[in-house]
Amino acid sequence: MLKRGEEEDQLQENILEEEVNMKPKAQLNSLIALSKSEGWQTVNEVMKDEILTLALLMARTKEMSSQEIDFNRGAIWAAEQMLNLPSRLIHKIEGDLALEEVTGPPRPPN
């Protein structure tokens, strides 16, 4: 019998497997649902506030090392990339689906 932690790990593995094995149309529908969800809107608002706070901190701090500046710029860049991830993936999958309609399904690797 699995212990509680092992059960949670197994559940997470099963979820990841299902996500990886999803068909492109199912992935597209999931991403569209995610991008329209209240939870994602909340994440967006919080992250935008954090980005603004960090940018203002950088602007108002006179003494900041180049390493601190680079770190903060990297944090802002990463946060923006995360916020744009659903729309980027939606566009990628839509492009893949359109290409598949024209060329047929992808061939398995040799």
N, C-alpha and C. Protein backbone atom coordinates (compact mmCIF):
# COMPACT_ATOMS: atom_id res chain seq x y z
N MET A 1 0.83 -1.17 0.00
CA MET A 1 0.00 0.00 0.00
C MET A 1 0.88 1.25 0.00
N LEU A 2 0.49 2.24 -0.79
CA LEU A 2 1.26 3.47 -0.90
C LEU A 2 1.00 4.39 0.28
N LYS A 3 2.04 5.07 0.71
CA LYS A 3 1.89 6.07 1.75
C LYS A 3 1.32 7.34 1.12
N ARG A 4 0.88 8.25 1.97
CA ARG A 4 0.22 9.46 1.48
C ARG A 4 1.11 10.24 0.51
N GLY A 5 2.35 10.46 0.84
CA GLY A 5 3.28 11.19 -0.03
C GLY A 5 3.49 10.48 -1.35
N GLU A 6 3.59 9.14 -1.27
CA GLU A 6 3.77 8.35 -2.49
C GLU A 6 2.53 8.43 -3.37
N GLU A 7 1.36 8.45 -2.75
CA GLU A 7 0.11 8.56 -3.51
C GLU A 7 0.06 9.90 -4.24
N GLU A 8 0.45 10.97 -3.56
CA GLU A 8 0.46 12.28 -4.19
C GLU A 8 1.45 12.33 -5.34
N ASP A 9 2.64 11.73 -5.15
CA ASP A 9 3.64 11.68 -6.21
C ASP A 9 3.10 10.91 -7.41
N GLN A 10 2.46 9.79 -7.16
CA GLN A 10 1.90 8.97 -8.24
C GLN A 10 0.81 9.74 -8.99
N LEU A 11 -0.03 10.46 -8.25
CA LEU A 11 -1.09 11.25 -8.86
C LEU A 11 -0.49 12.34 -9.75
N GLN A 12 0.55 13.01 -9.26
CA GLN A 12 1.19 14.05 -10.06
C GLN A 12 1.81 13.47 -11.32
N GLU A 13 2.43 12.29 -11.21
CA GLU A 13 3.01 11.63 -12.38
C GLU A 13 1.93 11.30 -13.40
N ASN A 14 0.79 10.80 -12.92
CA ASN A 14 -0.31 10.45 -13.82
C ASN A 14 -0.85 11.69 -14.53
N ILE A 15 -0.97 12.79 -13.80
CA ILE A 15 -1.44 14.03 -14.41
C ILE A 15 -0.47 14.50 -15.47
N LEU A 16 0.83 14.47 -15.17
CA LEU A 16 1.83 14.88 -16.15
C LEU A 16 1.79 14.00 -17.40
N GLU A 17 1.64 12.69 -17.21
CA GLU A 17 1.54 11.78 -18.35
C GLU A 17 0.35 12.12 -19.22
N GLU A 18 -0.79 12.40 -18.60
CA GLU A 18 -1.99 12.74 -19.35
C GLU A 18 -1.79 14.03 -20.13
N GLU A 19 -1.14 15.01 -19.52
CA GLU A 19 -0.90 16.28 -20.20
C GLU A 19 0.03 16.10 -21.38
N VAL A 20 1.07 15.30 -21.22
CA VAL A 20 2.02 15.06 -22.30
C VAL A 20 1.35 14.31 -23.44
N ASN A 21 0.46 13.38 -23.13
CA ASN A 21 -0.18 12.56 -24.14
C ASN A 21 -1.45 13.18 -24.71
N MET A 22 -1.80 14.40 -24.29
CA MET A 22 -3.00 15.05 -24.81
C MET A 22 -2.85 15.33 -26.29
N LYS A 23 -3.93 15.24 -27.01
CA LYS A 23 -3.94 15.60 -28.41
C LYS A 23 -3.87 17.12 -28.53
N PRO A 24 -3.36 17.62 -29.64
CA PRO A 24 -3.21 19.07 -29.78
C PRO A 24 -4.51 19.84 -29.59
N LYS A 25 -5.63 19.34 -30.10
CA LYS A 25 -6.90 20.06 -29.93
C LYS A 25 -7.30 20.11 -28.46
N ALA A 26 -7.05 19.03 -27.71
CA ALA A 26 -7.36 19.02 -26.28
C ALA A 26 -6.44 19.98 -25.54
N GLN A 27 -5.17 20.02 -25.94
CA GLN A 27 -4.23 20.97 -25.34
C GLN A 27 -4.68 22.40 -25.60
N LEU A 28 -5.10 22.65 -26.83
CA LEU A 28 -5.56 23.99 -27.20
C LEU A 28 -6.76 24.39 -26.35
N ASN A 29 -7.72 23.49 -26.23
CA ASN A 29 -8.91 23.79 -25.42
C ASN A 29 -8.55 24.03 -23.96
N SER A 30 -7.62 23.23 -23.42
CA SER A 30 -7.19 23.42 -22.03
C SER A 30 -6.51 24.77 -21.83
N LEU A 31 -5.65 25.14 -22.78
CA LEU A 31 -4.95 26.42 -22.66
C LEU A 31 -5.90 27.61 -22.79
N ILE A 32 -6.88 27.49 -23.68
CA ILE A 32 -7.86 28.56 -23.83
C ILE A 32 -8.66 28.70 -22.54
N ALA A 33 -9.07 27.55 -21.99
CA ALA A 33 -9.82 27.58 -20.72
C ALA A 33 -8.97 28.19 -19.60
N LEU A 34 -7.69 27.83 -19.56
CA LEU A 34 -6.79 28.39 -18.55
C LEU A 34 -6.69 29.90 -18.70
N SER A 35 -6.47 30.36 -19.92
CA SER A 35 -6.27 31.80 -20.13
C SER A 35 -7.52 32.62 -19.81
N LYS A 36 -8.69 32.00 -19.87
CA LYS A 36 -9.94 32.70 -19.56
C LYS A 36 -10.39 32.52 -18.11
N SER A 37 -9.68 31.67 -17.36
CA SER A 37 -10.12 31.35 -16.00
C SER A 37 -9.86 32.51 -15.04
N GLU A 38 -10.67 32.54 -13.99
CA GLU A 38 -10.49 33.56 -12.95
C GLU A 38 -9.15 33.39 -12.24
N GLY A 39 -8.72 32.14 -12.07
CA GLY A 39 -7.45 31.88 -11.41
C GLY A 39 -6.29 32.48 -12.18
N TRP A 40 -6.31 32.32 -13.52
CA TRP A 40 -5.23 32.88 -14.32
C TRP A 40 -5.28 34.40 -14.29
N GLN A 41 -6.47 34.97 -14.27
CA GLN A 41 -6.60 36.43 -14.18
C GLN A 41 -6.01 36.93 -12.86
N THR A 42 -6.23 36.18 -11.79
CA THR A 42 -5.66 36.55 -10.49
C THR A 42 -4.14 36.47 -10.53
N VAL A 43 -3.61 35.39 -11.11
CA VAL A 43 -2.15 35.25 -11.24
C VAL A 43 -1.60 36.41 -12.05
N ASN A 44 -2.27 36.76 -13.14
CA ASN A 44 -1.84 37.88 -13.99
C ASN A 44 -1.76 39.17 -13.20
N GLU A 45 -2.81 39.48 -12.45
CA GLU A 45 -2.84 40.72 -11.68
C GLU A 45 -1.72 40.76 -10.65
N VAL A 46 -1.54 39.67 -9.92
CA VAL A 46 -0.51 39.61 -8.89
C VAL A 46 0.87 39.76 -9.51
N MET A 47 1.13 39.04 -10.61
CA MET A 47 2.45 39.11 -11.24
C MET A 47 2.72 40.50 -11.82
N LYS A 48 1.71 41.12 -12.40
CA LYS A 48 1.90 42.47 -12.93
C LYS A 48 2.21 43.46 -11.81
N ASP A 49 1.55 43.30 -10.68
CA ASP A 49 1.84 44.14 -9.53
C ASP A 49 3.27 43.92 -9.04
N GLU A 50 3.71 42.66 -9.01
CA GLU A 50 5.07 42.35 -8.58
C GLU A 50 6.10 42.92 -9.55
N ILE A 51 5.81 42.83 -10.84
CA ILE A 51 6.73 43.39 -11.85
C ILE A 51 6.84 44.90 -11.66
N LEU A 52 5.71 45.56 -11.48
CA LEU A 52 5.72 47.01 -11.27
C LEU A 52 6.47 47.38 -10.01
N THR A 53 6.25 46.64 -8.94
CA THR A 53 6.94 46.92 -7.67
C THR A 53 8.45 46.78 -7.85
N LEU A 54 8.88 45.74 -8.52
CA LEU A 54 10.31 45.53 -8.74
C LEU A 54 10.90 46.61 -9.63
N ALA A 55 10.18 47.00 -10.67
CA ALA A 55 10.66 48.06 -11.56
C ALA A 55 10.79 49.38 -10.80
N LEU A 56 9.81 49.68 -9.96
CA LEU A 56 9.88 50.91 -9.17
C LEU A 56 11.02 50.87 -8.17
N LEU A 57 11.25 49.70 -7.57
CA LEU A 57 12.37 49.54 -6.65
C LEU A 57 13.68 49.83 -7.36
N MET A 58 13.83 49.30 -8.57
CA MET A 58 15.05 49.54 -9.33
C MET A 58 15.22 51.02 -9.66
N ALA A 59 14.11 51.67 -10.00
CA ALA A 59 14.18 53.09 -10.37
C ALA A 59 14.49 53.98 -9.17
N ARG A 60 14.04 53.59 -8.00
CA ARG A 60 14.18 54.44 -6.81
C ARG A 60 15.45 54.16 -6.01
N THR A 61 16.10 53.04 -6.26
CA THR A 61 17.30 52.69 -5.51
C THR A 61 18.52 53.27 -6.22
N LYS A 62 19.19 54.20 -5.53
CA LYS A 62 20.35 54.85 -6.14
C LYS A 62 21.56 53.94 -6.15
N GLU A 63 21.77 53.23 -5.06
CA GLU A 63 22.94 52.37 -4.95
C GLU A 63 22.52 50.92 -5.18
N MET A 64 22.79 50.42 -6.37
CA MET A 64 22.48 49.04 -6.68
C MET A 64 23.61 48.51 -7.56
N SER A 65 24.14 47.35 -7.19
CA SER A 65 25.24 46.79 -7.97
C SER A 65 24.72 46.30 -9.32
N SER A 66 25.63 46.13 -10.24
CA SER A 66 25.23 45.65 -11.57
C SER A 66 24.66 44.24 -11.48
N GLN A 67 25.14 43.45 -10.51
CA GLN A 67 24.59 42.11 -10.32
C GLN A 67 23.14 42.17 -9.86
N GLU A 68 22.83 43.09 -8.94
CA GLU A 68 21.45 43.25 -8.48
C GLU A 68 20.55 43.71 -9.61
N ILE A 69 21.04 44.64 -10.41
CA ILE A 69 20.26 45.14 -11.55
C ILE A 69 19.99 44.01 -12.53
N ASP A 70 21.05 43.24 -12.85
CA ASP A 70 20.88 42.12 -13.79
C ASP A 70 19.92 41.08 -13.25
N PHE A 71 20.02 40.79 -11.96
CA PHE A 71 19.11 39.82 -11.34
C PHE A 71 17.67 40.30 -11.44
N ASN A 72 17.44 41.57 -11.10
CA ASN A 72 16.08 42.11 -11.14
C ASN A 72 15.54 42.15 -12.57
N ARG A 73 16.38 42.52 -13.51
CA ARG A 73 15.96 42.51 -14.92
C ARG A 73 15.60 41.09 -15.36
N GLY A 74 16.38 40.13 -14.93
CA GLY A 74 16.08 38.73 -15.27
C GLY A 74 14.78 38.26 -14.64
N ALA A 75 14.53 38.70 -13.41
CA ALA A 75 13.28 38.33 -12.73
C ALA A 75 12.08 38.92 -13.46
N ILE A 76 12.20 40.16 -13.89
CA ILE A 76 11.11 40.81 -14.63
C ILE A 76 10.89 40.08 -15.96
N TRP A 77 11.97 39.78 -16.66
CA TRP A 77 11.86 39.07 -17.94
C TRP A 77 11.18 37.72 -17.76
N ALA A 78 11.60 36.97 -16.73
CA ALA A 78 11.01 35.65 -16.49
C ALA A 78 9.53 35.75 -16.15
N ALA A 79 9.16 36.75 -15.36
CA ALA A 79 7.74 36.94 -15.01
C ALA A 79 6.93 37.27 -16.25
N GLU A 80 7.44 38.12 -17.13
CA GLU A 80 6.74 38.45 -18.36
C GLU A 80 6.58 37.22 -19.25
N GLN A 81 7.64 36.40 -19.32
CA GLN A 81 7.56 35.18 -20.13
C GLN A 81 6.49 34.24 -19.60
N MET A 82 6.40 34.13 -18.28
CA MET A 82 5.39 33.26 -17.69
C MET A 82 3.98 33.79 -17.98
N LEU A 83 3.80 35.11 -17.89
CA LEU A 83 2.49 35.68 -18.15
C LEU A 83 2.07 35.49 -19.61
N ASN A 84 3.03 35.48 -20.52
CA ASN A 84 2.73 35.33 -21.94
C ASN A 84 2.67 33.87 -22.38
N LEU A 85 3.00 32.95 -21.50
CA LEU A 85 3.11 31.54 -21.88
C LEU A 85 1.81 30.95 -22.46
N PRO A 86 0.65 31.11 -21.82
CA PRO A 86 -0.55 30.52 -22.41
C PRO A 86 -0.83 31.01 -23.83
N SER A 87 -0.73 32.33 -24.06
CA SER A 87 -1.02 32.84 -25.40
C SER A 87 0.02 32.36 -26.41
N ARG A 88 1.29 32.28 -26.01
CA ARG A 88 2.32 31.78 -26.92
C ARG A 88 2.07 30.32 -27.28
N LEU A 89 1.70 29.52 -26.28
CA LEU A 89 1.41 28.11 -26.55
C LEU A 89 0.17 27.95 -27.41
N ILE A 90 -0.85 28.78 -27.18
CA ILE A 90 -2.07 28.73 -27.99
C ILE A 90 -1.72 29.01 -29.45
N HIS A 91 -0.93 30.04 -29.70
CA HIS A 91 -0.53 30.38 -31.07
C HIS A 91 0.30 29.26 -31.70
N LYS A 92 1.18 28.66 -30.92
CA LYS A 92 2.02 27.58 -31.44
C LYS A 92 1.15 26.38 -31.83
N ILE A 93 0.25 25.99 -30.97
CA ILE A 93 -0.60 24.83 -31.25
C ILE A 93 -1.53 25.12 -32.43
N GLU A 94 -2.08 26.33 -32.49
CA GLU A 94 -2.93 26.69 -33.63
C GLU A 94 -2.14 26.59 -34.93
N GLY A 95 -0.90 27.05 -34.91
CA GLY A 95 -0.04 26.92 -36.09
C GLY A 95 0.24 25.48 -36.44
N ASP A 96 0.53 24.68 -35.43
CA ASP A 96 0.78 23.25 -35.66
C ASP A 96 -0.45 22.56 -36.24
N LEU A 97 -1.63 22.89 -35.72
CA LEU A 97 -2.86 22.29 -36.23
C LEU A 97 -3.13 22.71 -37.68
N ALA A 98 -2.89 23.98 -37.99
CA ALA A 98 -3.08 24.46 -39.36
C ALA A 98 -2.11 23.77 -40.31
N LEU A 99 -0.87 23.62 -39.87
CA LEU A 99 0.13 22.93 -40.69
C LEU A 99 -0.24 21.47 -40.88
N GLU A 100 -0.74 20.84 -39.83
CA GLU A 100 -1.14 19.44 -39.91
C GLU A 100 -2.30 19.24 -40.88
N GLU A 101 -3.21 20.21 -40.93
CA GLU A 101 -4.33 20.13 -41.87
C GLU A 101 -3.83 20.13 -43.31
N VAL A 102 -2.79 20.89 -43.57
CA VAL A 102 -2.25 21.02 -44.92
C VAL A 102 -1.36 19.82 -45.27
N THR A 103 -0.51 19.41 -44.35
CA THR A 103 0.50 18.39 -44.66
C THR A 103 0.16 17.00 -44.17
N GLY A 104 -0.82 16.87 -43.30
CA GLY A 104 -1.14 15.57 -42.70
C GLY A 104 -0.47 15.44 -41.36
N PRO A 105 -0.81 14.37 -40.64
CA PRO A 105 -0.23 14.19 -39.30
C PRO A 105 1.27 13.97 -39.35
N PRO A 106 1.98 14.35 -38.29
CA PRO A 106 3.44 14.17 -38.28
C PRO A 106 3.81 12.69 -38.28
N ARG A 107 4.92 12.42 -38.90
CA ARG A 107 5.41 11.03 -38.96
C ARG A 107 6.22 10.74 -37.69
N PRO A 108 6.16 9.50 -37.21
CA PRO A 108 7.00 9.17 -36.06
C PRO A 108 8.47 9.19 -36.46
N PRO A 109 9.35 9.54 -35.51
CA PRO A 109 10.79 9.58 -35.82
C PRO A 109 11.31 8.18 -36.12
N ASN A 110 12.34 8.14 -36.97
CA ASN A 110 12.94 6.84 -37.36
C ASN A 110 13.84 6.32 -36.30
